[in-house]
Amino acid sequence: MPNTNLKDLPQSVQDNLPEHAQEIYLEAFNNAWKEYAKPEDRRGGASQEETAHKVAWSAVKKAYEKDEKSGEWKRKKH
């Protein structure tokens, strides 16, 4: 189900990602939810929700990376 605000995101996302990364996740999740509404548009029989979460994490990882020492997500330096 699409999320309307950051408080709707899974607790694991809220607890681990900085606010800006959560905003990226939210937007990507909602876009993917719409884009992959039809089962034939998804790979390997994945559910709409599973696909949307994968797309959202991919979007976050383009701008952020997890610091291996601290475990915190930090914005990538470009």
PDB file of N, CA and C in Angstrom:
ATOM      1  N   MET A   1       0.838  -1.172   0.000  1.00  0.00           N
ATOM      2  CA  MET A   1       0.000   0.000   0.000  1.00  0.00           C
ATOM      3  C   MET A   1       0.889   1.244   0.000  1.00  0.00           C
ATOM      4  N   PRO A   2       0.544   2.220  -0.819  1.00  0.00           N
ATOM      5  CA  PRO A   2       1.365   3.436  -0.865  1.00  0.00           C
ATOM      6  C   PRO A   2       1.400   4.132   0.497  1.00  0.00           C
ATOM      7  N   ASN A   3       2.485   4.825   0.732  1.00  0.00           N
ATOM      8  CA  ASN A   3       2.671   5.557   1.989  1.00  0.00           C
ATOM      9  C   ASN A   3       2.430   7.036   1.726  1.00  0.00           C
ATOM     10  N   THR A   4       1.805   7.703   2.688  1.00  0.00           N
ATOM     11  CA  THR A   4       1.511   9.118   2.494  1.00  0.00           C
ATOM     12  C   THR A   4       2.493  10.031   3.216  1.00  0.00           C
ATOM     13  N   ASN A   5       3.137   9.518   4.269  1.00  0.00           N
ATOM     14  CA  ASN A   5       4.126  10.340   4.948  1.00  0.00           C
ATOM     15  C   ASN A   5       5.179   9.440   5.581  1.00  0.00           C
ATOM     16  N   LEU A   6       6.217  10.030   6.125  1.00  0.00           N
ATOM     17  CA  LEU A   6       7.344   9.265   6.663  1.00  0.00           C
ATOM     18  C   LEU A   6       6.935   8.332   7.800  1.00  0.00           C
ATOM     19  N   LYS A   7       5.909   8.692   8.545  1.00  0.00           N
ATOM     20  CA  LYS A   7       5.460   7.849   9.657  1.00  0.00           C
ATOM     21  C   LYS A   7       4.800   6.565   9.174  1.00  0.00           C
ATOM     22  N   ASP A   8       4.454   6.502   7.886  1.00  0.00           N
ATOM     23  CA  ASP A   8       3.856   5.295   7.313  1.00  0.00           C
ATOM     24  C   ASP A   8       4.908   4.276   6.886  1.00  0.00           C
ATOM     25  N   LEU A   9       6.165   4.696   6.828  1.00  0.00           N
ATOM     26  CA  LEU A   9       7.229   3.795   6.391  1.00  0.00           C
ATOM     27  C   LEU A   9       7.458   2.689   7.421  1.00  0.00           C
ATOM     28  N   PRO A  10       8.012   1.543   6.977  1.00  0.00           N
ATOM     29  CA  PRO A  10       8.321   0.481   7.936  1.00  0.00           C
ATOM     30  C   PRO A  10       9.225   1.010   9.047  1.00  0.00           C
ATOM     31  N   GLN A  11       9.049   0.472  10.232  1.00  0.00           N
ATOM     32  CA  GLN A  11       9.826   0.927  11.383  1.00  0.00           C
ATOM     33  C   GLN A  11      11.318   0.786  11.137  1.00  0.00           C
ATOM     34  N   SER A  12      11.724  -0.261  10.431  1.00  0.00           N
ATOM     35  CA  SER A  12      13.155  -0.457  10.159  1.00  0.00           C
ATOM     36  C   SER A  12      13.723   0.674   9.308  1.00  0.00           C
ATOM     37  N   VAL A  13      12.919   1.223   8.428  1.00  0.00           N
ATOM     38  CA  VAL A  13      13.356   2.357   7.607  1.00  0.00           C
ATOM     39  C   VAL A  13      13.436   3.607   8.475  1.00  0.00           C
ATOM     40  N   GLN A  14      12.411   3.838   9.279  1.00  0.00           N
ATOM     41  CA  GLN A  14      12.383   5.011  10.156  1.00  0.00           C
ATOM     42  C   GLN A  14      13.533   4.992  11.158  1.00  0.00           C
ATOM     43  N   ASP A  15      13.851   3.815  11.672  1.00  0.00           N
ATOM     44  CA  ASP A  15      14.879   3.699  12.712  1.00  0.00           C
ATOM     45  C   ASP A  15      16.301   3.809  12.176  1.00  0.00           C
ATOM     46  N   ASN A  16      16.498   3.535  10.894  1.00  0.00           N
ATOM     47  CA  ASN A  16      17.860   3.439  10.360  1.00  0.00           C
ATOM     48  C   ASN A  16      18.257   4.526   9.379  1.00  0.00           C
ATOM     49  N   LEU A  17      17.322   5.086   8.653  1.00  0.00           N
ATOM     50  CA  LEU A  17      17.678   6.060   7.622  1.00  0.00           C
ATOM     51  C   LEU A  17      17.496   7.492   8.098  1.00  0.00           C
ATOM     52  N   PRO A  18      18.400   8.386   7.684  1.00  0.00           N
ATOM     53  CA  PRO A  18      18.200   9.815   7.969  1.00  0.00           C
ATOM     54  C   PRO A  18      16.930  10.302   7.267  1.00  0.00           C
ATOM     55  N   GLU A  19      16.410  11.402   7.689  1.00  0.00           N
ATOM     56  CA  GLU A  19      15.147  11.911   7.152  1.00  0.00           C
ATOM     57  C   GLU A  19      15.175  12.072   5.630  1.00  0.00           C
ATOM     58  N   HIS A  20      16.239  12.629   5.090  1.00  0.00           N
ATOM     59  CA  HIS A  20      16.300  12.820   3.643  1.00  0.00           C
ATOM     60  C   HIS A  20      16.250  11.482   2.906  1.00  0.00           C
ATOM     61  N   ALA A  21      16.938  10.487   3.427  1.00  0.00           N
ATOM     62  CA  ALA A  21      16.909   9.153   2.820  1.00  0.00           C
ATOM     63  C   ALA A  21      15.505   8.553   2.923  1.00  0.00           C
ATOM     64  N   GLN A  22      14.817   8.834   4.005  1.00  0.00           N
ATOM     65  CA  GLN A  22      13.430   8.369   4.148  1.00  0.00           C
ATOM     66  C   GLN A  22      12.532   9.020   3.100  1.00  0.00           C
ATOM     67  N   GLU A  23      12.785  10.287   2.815  1.00  0.00           N
ATOM     68  CA  GLU A  23      12.009  10.981   1.785  1.00  0.00           C
ATOM     69  C   GLU A  23      12.237  10.355   0.409  1.00  0.00           C
ATOM     70  N   ILE A  24      13.482   9.998   0.130  1.00  0.00           N
ATOM     71  CA  ILE A  24      13.808   9.309  -1.121  1.00  0.00           C
ATOM     72  C   ILE A  24      13.071   7.977  -1.170  1.00  0.00           C
ATOM     73  N   TYR A  25      13.139   7.231  -0.077  1.00  0.00           N
ATOM     74  CA  TYR A  25      12.486   5.920   0.003  1.00  0.00           C
ATOM     75  C   TYR A  25      10.989   6.064  -0.248  1.00  0.00           C
ATOM     76  N   LEU A  26      10.363   7.013   0.422  1.00  0.00           N
ATOM     77  CA  LEU A  26       8.927   7.239   0.302  1.00  0.00           C
ATOM     78  C   LEU A  26       8.523   7.527  -1.138  1.00  0.00           C
ATOM     79  N   GLU A  27       9.225   8.436  -1.772  1.00  0.00           N
ATOM     80  CA  GLU A  27       8.890   8.802  -3.149  1.00  0.00           C
ATOM     81  C   GLU A  27       9.103   7.634  -4.110  1.00  0.00           C
ATOM     82  N   ALA A  28      10.217   6.942  -3.966  1.00  0.00           N
ATOM     83  CA  ALA A  28      10.503   5.809  -4.848  1.00  0.00           C
ATOM     84  C   ALA A  28       9.502   4.676  -4.624  1.00  0.00           C
ATOM     85  N   PHE A  29       9.161   4.403  -3.378  1.00  0.00           N
ATOM     86  CA  PHE A  29       8.185   3.350  -3.071  1.00  0.00           C
ATOM     87  C   PHE A  29       6.852   3.663  -3.732  1.00  0.00           C
ATOM     88  N   ASN A  30       6.375   4.876  -3.554  1.00  0.00           N
ATOM     89  CA  ASN A  30       5.076   5.252  -4.113  1.00  0.00           C
ATOM     90  C   ASN A  30       5.075   5.208  -5.639  1.00  0.00           C
ATOM     91  N   ASN A  31       6.158   5.654  -6.260  1.00  0.00           N
ATOM     92  CA  ASN A  31       6.246   5.595  -7.718  1.00  0.00           C
ATOM     93  C   ASN A  31       6.260   4.153  -8.209  1.00  0.00           C
ATOM     94  N   ALA A  32       7.029   3.304  -7.527  1.00  0.00           N
ATOM     95  CA  ALA A  32       7.116   1.896  -7.916  1.00  0.00           C
ATOM     96  C   ALA A  32       5.785   1.189  -7.687  1.00  0.00           C
ATOM     97  N   TRP A  33       5.073   1.566  -6.646  1.00  0.00           N
ATOM     98  CA  TRP A  33       3.770   0.960  -6.368  1.00  0.00           C
ATOM     99  C   TRP A  33       2.847   1.147  -7.573  1.00  0.00           C
ATOM    100  N   LYS A  34       2.870   2.354  -8.128  1.00  0.00           N
ATOM    101  CA  LYS A  34       2.029   2.642  -9.299  1.00  0.00           C
ATOM    102  C   LYS A  34       2.568   1.941 -10.552  1.00  0.00           C
ATOM    103  N   GLU A  35       3.879   2.031 -10.751  1.00  0.00           N
ATOM    104  CA  GLU A  35       4.494   1.504 -11.965  1.00  0.00           C
ATOM    105  C   GLU A  35       4.377  -0.018 -12.069  1.00  0.00           C
ATOM    106  N   TYR A  36       4.438  -0.713 -10.960  1.00  0.00           N
ATOM    107  CA  TYR A  36       4.422  -2.172 -10.971  1.00  0.00           C
ATOM    108  C   TYR A  36       3.102  -2.735 -10.436  1.00  0.00           C
ATOM    109  N   ALA A  37       2.014  -2.051 -10.722  1.00  0.00           N
ATOM    110  CA  ALA A  37       0.697  -2.488 -10.250  1.00  0.00           C
ATOM    111  C   ALA A  37       0.278  -3.823 -10.874  1.00  0.00           C
ATOM    112  N   LYS A  38       0.642  -4.042 -12.112  1.00  0.00           N
ATOM    113  CA  LYS A  38       0.259  -5.271 -12.812  1.00  0.00           C
ATOM    114  C   LYS A  38       1.293  -6.367 -12.558  1.00  0.00           C
ATOM    115  N   PRO A  39       0.834  -7.569 -12.214  1.00  0.00           N
ATOM    116  CA  PRO A  39       1.768  -8.677 -11.949  1.00  0.00           C
ATOM    117  C   PRO A  39       2.728  -8.949 -13.108  1.00  0.00           C
ATOM    118  N   GLU A  40       2.285  -8.760 -14.327  1.00  0.00           N
ATOM    119  CA  GLU A  40       3.158  -9.031 -15.473  1.00  0.00           C
ATOM    120  C   GLU A  40       4.303  -8.022 -15.603  1.00  0.00           C
ATOM    121  N   ASP A  41       4.220  -6.930 -14.873  1.00  0.00           N
ATOM    122  CA  ASP A  41       5.292  -5.928 -14.894  1.00  0.00           C
ATOM    123  C   ASP A  41       6.383  -6.219 -13.858  1.00  0.00           C
ATOM    124  N   ARG A  42       6.147  -7.234 -13.016  1.00  0.00           N
ATOM    125  CA  ARG A  42       7.094  -7.585 -11.954  1.00  0.00           C
ATOM    126  C   ARG A  42       7.874  -8.831 -12.323  1.00  0.00           C
ATOM    127  N   ARG A  43       9.038  -8.984 -11.727  1.00  0.00           N
ATOM    128  CA  ARG A  43       9.904 -10.135 -12.000  1.00  0.00           C
ATOM    129  C   ARG A  43       9.688 -11.245 -10.978  1.00  0.00           C
ATOM    130  N   GLY A  44       9.800 -12.461 -11.448  1.00  0.00           N
ATOM    131  CA  GLY A  44       9.831 -13.619 -10.571  1.00  0.00           C
ATOM    132  C   GLY A  44       8.637 -13.808  -9.663  1.00  0.00           C
ATOM    133  N   GLY A  45       7.488 -13.292 -10.052  1.00  0.00           N
ATOM    134  CA  GLY A  45       6.297 -13.470  -9.236  1.00  0.00           C
ATOM    135  C   GLY A  45       6.284 -12.668  -7.955  1.00  0.00           C
ATOM    136  N   ALA A  46       7.135 -11.658  -7.859  1.00  0.00           N
ATOM    137  CA  ALA A  46       7.191 -10.824  -6.651  1.00  0.00           C
ATOM    138  C   ALA A  46       5.887 -10.056  -6.480  1.00  0.00           C
ATOM    139  N   SER A  47       5.544  -9.795  -5.236  1.00  0.00           N
ATOM    140  CA  SER A  47       4.340  -9.016  -4.955  1.00  0.00           C
ATOM    141  C   SER A  47       4.589  -7.536  -5.285  1.00  0.00           C
ATOM    142  N   GLN A  48       3.527  -6.807  -5.388  1.00  0.00           N
ATOM    143  CA  GLN A  48       3.628  -5.370  -5.661  1.00  0.00           C
ATOM    144  C   GLN A  48       4.401  -4.680  -4.534  1.00  0.00           C
ATOM    145  N   GLU A  49       4.110  -5.061  -3.307  1.00  0.00           N
ATOM    146  CA  GLU A  49       4.787  -4.445  -2.160  1.00  0.00           C
ATOM    147  C   GLU A  49       6.279  -4.793  -2.132  1.00  0.00           C
ATOM    148  N   GLU A  50       6.603  -6.053  -2.377  1.00  0.00           N
ATOM    149  CA  GLU A  50       8.006  -6.476  -2.390  1.00  0.00           C
ATOM    150  C   GLU A  50       8.790  -5.719  -3.458  1.00  0.00           C
ATOM    151  N   THR A  51       8.199  -5.600  -4.625  1.00  0.00           N
ATOM    152  CA  THR A  51       8.851  -4.880  -5.724  1.00  0.00           C
ATOM    153  C   THR A  51       9.056  -3.414  -5.362  1.00  0.00           C
ATOM    154  N   ALA A  52       8.051  -2.790  -4.779  1.00  0.00           N
ATOM    155  CA  ALA A  52       8.152  -1.376  -4.402  1.00  0.00           C
ATOM    156  C   ALA A  52       9.249  -1.159  -3.358  1.00  0.00           C
ATOM    157  N   HIS A  53       9.370  -2.074  -2.401  1.00  0.00           N
ATOM    158  CA  HIS A  53      10.430  -1.948  -1.392  1.00  0.00           C
ATOM    159  C   HIS A  53      11.814  -2.102  -2.034  1.00  0.00           C
ATOM    160  N   LYS A  54      11.952  -3.019  -2.961  1.00  0.00           N
ATOM    161  CA  LYS A  54      13.245  -3.211  -3.637  1.00  0.00           C
ATOM    162  C   LYS A  54      13.635  -1.955  -4.413  1.00  0.00           C
ATOM    163  N   VAL A  55      12.683  -1.379  -5.108  1.00  0.00           N
ATOM    164  CA  VAL A  55      12.951  -0.156  -5.864  1.00  0.00           C
ATOM    165  C   VAL A  55      13.321   0.985  -4.919  1.00  0.00           C
ATOM    166  N   ALA A  56      12.614   1.084  -3.807  1.00  0.00           N
ATOM    167  CA  ALA A  56      12.875   2.156  -2.838  1.00  0.00           C
ATOM    168  C   ALA A  56      14.274   2.035  -2.245  1.00  0.00           C
ATOM    169  N   TRP A  57      14.675   0.817  -1.876  1.00  0.00           N
ATOM    170  CA  TRP A  57      16.020   0.628  -1.325  1.00  0.00           C
ATOM    171  C   TRP A  57      17.078   0.950  -2.372  1.00  0.00           C
ATOM    172  N   SER A  58      16.814   0.574  -3.603  1.00  0.00           N
ATOM    173  CA  SER A  58      17.757   0.869  -4.680  1.00  0.00           C
ATOM    174  C   SER A  58      17.938   2.384  -4.834  1.00  0.00           C
ATOM    175  N   ALA A  59      16.840   3.112  -4.751  1.00  0.00           N
ATOM    176  CA  ALA A  59      16.903   4.576  -4.869  1.00  0.00           C
ATOM    177  C   ALA A  59      17.710   5.178  -3.715  1.00  0.00           C
ATOM    178  N   VAL A  60      17.508   4.677  -2.513  1.00  0.00           N
ATOM    179  CA  VAL A  60      18.253   5.177  -1.352  1.00  0.00           C
ATOM    180  C   VAL A  60      19.747   4.916  -1.538  1.00  0.00           C
ATOM    181  N   LYS A  61      20.084   3.727  -2.019  1.00  0.00           N
ATOM    182  CA  LYS A  61      21.491   3.343  -2.167  1.00  0.00           C
ATOM    183  C   LYS A  61      22.218   4.133  -3.251  1.00  0.00           C
ATOM    184  N   LYS A  62      21.489   4.814  -4.103  1.00  0.00           N
ATOM    185  CA  LYS A  62      22.130   5.678  -5.102  1.00  0.00           C
ATOM    186  C   LYS A  62      22.664   6.951  -4.446  1.00  0.00           C
ATOM    187  N   ALA A  63      22.023   7.376  -3.364  1.00  0.00           N
ATOM    188  CA  ALA A  63      22.416   8.630  -2.707  1.00  0.00           C
ATOM    189  C   ALA A  63      23.090   8.421  -1.350  1.00  0.00           C
ATOM    190  N   TYR A  64      22.876   7.245  -0.751  1.00  0.00           N
ATOM    191  CA  TYR A  64      23.401   6.983   0.592  1.00  0.00           C
ATOM    192  C   TYR A  64      24.142   5.648   0.615  1.00  0.00           C
ATOM    193  N   GLU A  65      25.047   5.534   1.595  1.00  0.00           N
ATOM    194  CA  GLU A  65      25.726   4.266   1.809  1.00  0.00           C
ATOM    195  C   GLU A  65      25.825   4.033   3.310  1.00  0.00           C
ATOM    196  N   LYS A  66      25.845   2.776   3.678  1.00  0.00           N
ATOM    197  CA  LYS A  66      25.911   2.425   5.090  1.00  0.00           C
ATOM    198  C   LYS A  66      27.369   2.375   5.526  1.00  0.00           C
ATOM    199  N   ASP A  67      27.680   3.128   6.550  1.00  0.00           N
ATOM    200  CA  ASP A  67      29.021   3.130   7.115  1.00  0.00           C
ATOM    201  C   ASP A  67      29.205   1.814   7.873  1.00  0.00           C
ATOM    202  N   GLU A  68      30.188   1.035   7.464  1.00  0.00           N
ATOM    203  CA  GLU A  68      30.396  -0.290   8.052  1.00  0.00           C
ATOM    204  C   GLU A  68      30.801  -0.235   9.522  1.00  0.00           C
ATOM    205  N   LYS A  69      31.487   0.812   9.917  1.00  0.00           N
ATOM    206  CA  LYS A  69      31.938   0.914  11.308  1.00  0.00           C
ATOM    207  C   LYS A  69      30.812   1.322  12.243  1.00  0.00           C
ATOM    208  N   SER A  70      30.083   2.361  11.870  1.00  0.00           N
ATOM    209  CA  SER A  70      29.035   2.882  12.755  1.00  0.00           C
ATOM    210  C   SER A  70      27.664   2.269  12.480  1.00  0.00           C
ATOM    211  N   GLY A  71      27.472   1.738  11.271  1.00  0.00           N
ATOM    212  CA  GLY A  71      26.171   1.197  10.898  1.00  0.00           C
ATOM    213  C   GLY A  71      25.179   2.258  10.470  1.00  0.00           C
ATOM    214  N   GLU A  72      25.649   3.511  10.428  1.00  0.00           N
ATOM    215  CA  GLU A  72      24.774   4.618  10.047  1.00  0.00           C
ATOM    216  C   GLU A  72      24.786   4.811   8.541  1.00  0.00           C
ATOM    217  N   TRP A  73      23.645   5.273   8.024  1.00  0.00           N
ATOM    218  CA  TRP A  73      23.547   5.606   6.605  1.00  0.00           C
ATOM    219  C   TRP A  73      23.997   7.044   6.413  1.00  0.00           C
ATOM    220  N   LYS A  74      24.957   7.228   5.523  1.00  0.00           N
ATOM    221  CA  LYS A  74      25.534   8.547   5.265  1.00  0.00           C
ATOM    222  C   LYS A  74      25.401   8.876   3.780  1.00  0.00           C
ATOM    223  N   ARG A  75      25.218  10.151   3.519  1.00  0.00           N
ATOM    224  CA  ARG A  75      25.092  10.602   2.133  1.00  0.00           C
ATOM    225  C   ARG A  75      26.413  10.380   1.411  1.00  0.00           C
ATOM    226  N   LYS A  76      26.316   9.869   0.183  1.00  0.00           N
ATOM    227  CA  LYS A  76      27.522   9.642  -0.618  1.00  0.00           C
ATOM    228  C   LYS A  76      28.121  10.974  -1.030  1.00  0.00           C
ATOM    229  N   LYS A  77      29.432  11.002  -1.093  1.00  0.00           N
ATOM    230  CA  LYS A  77      30.111  12.205  -1.562  1.00  0.00           C
ATOM    231  C   LYS A  77      30.279  12.078  -3.073  1.00  0.00           C
ATOM    232  N   HIS A  78      29.870  13.107  -3.767  1.00  0.00           N
ATOM    233  CA  HIS A  78      29.950  13.077  -5.244  1.00  0.00           C
ATOM    234  C   HIS A  78      31.099  13.879  -5.747  1.00  0.00           C
TER     235      HIS A  78
END
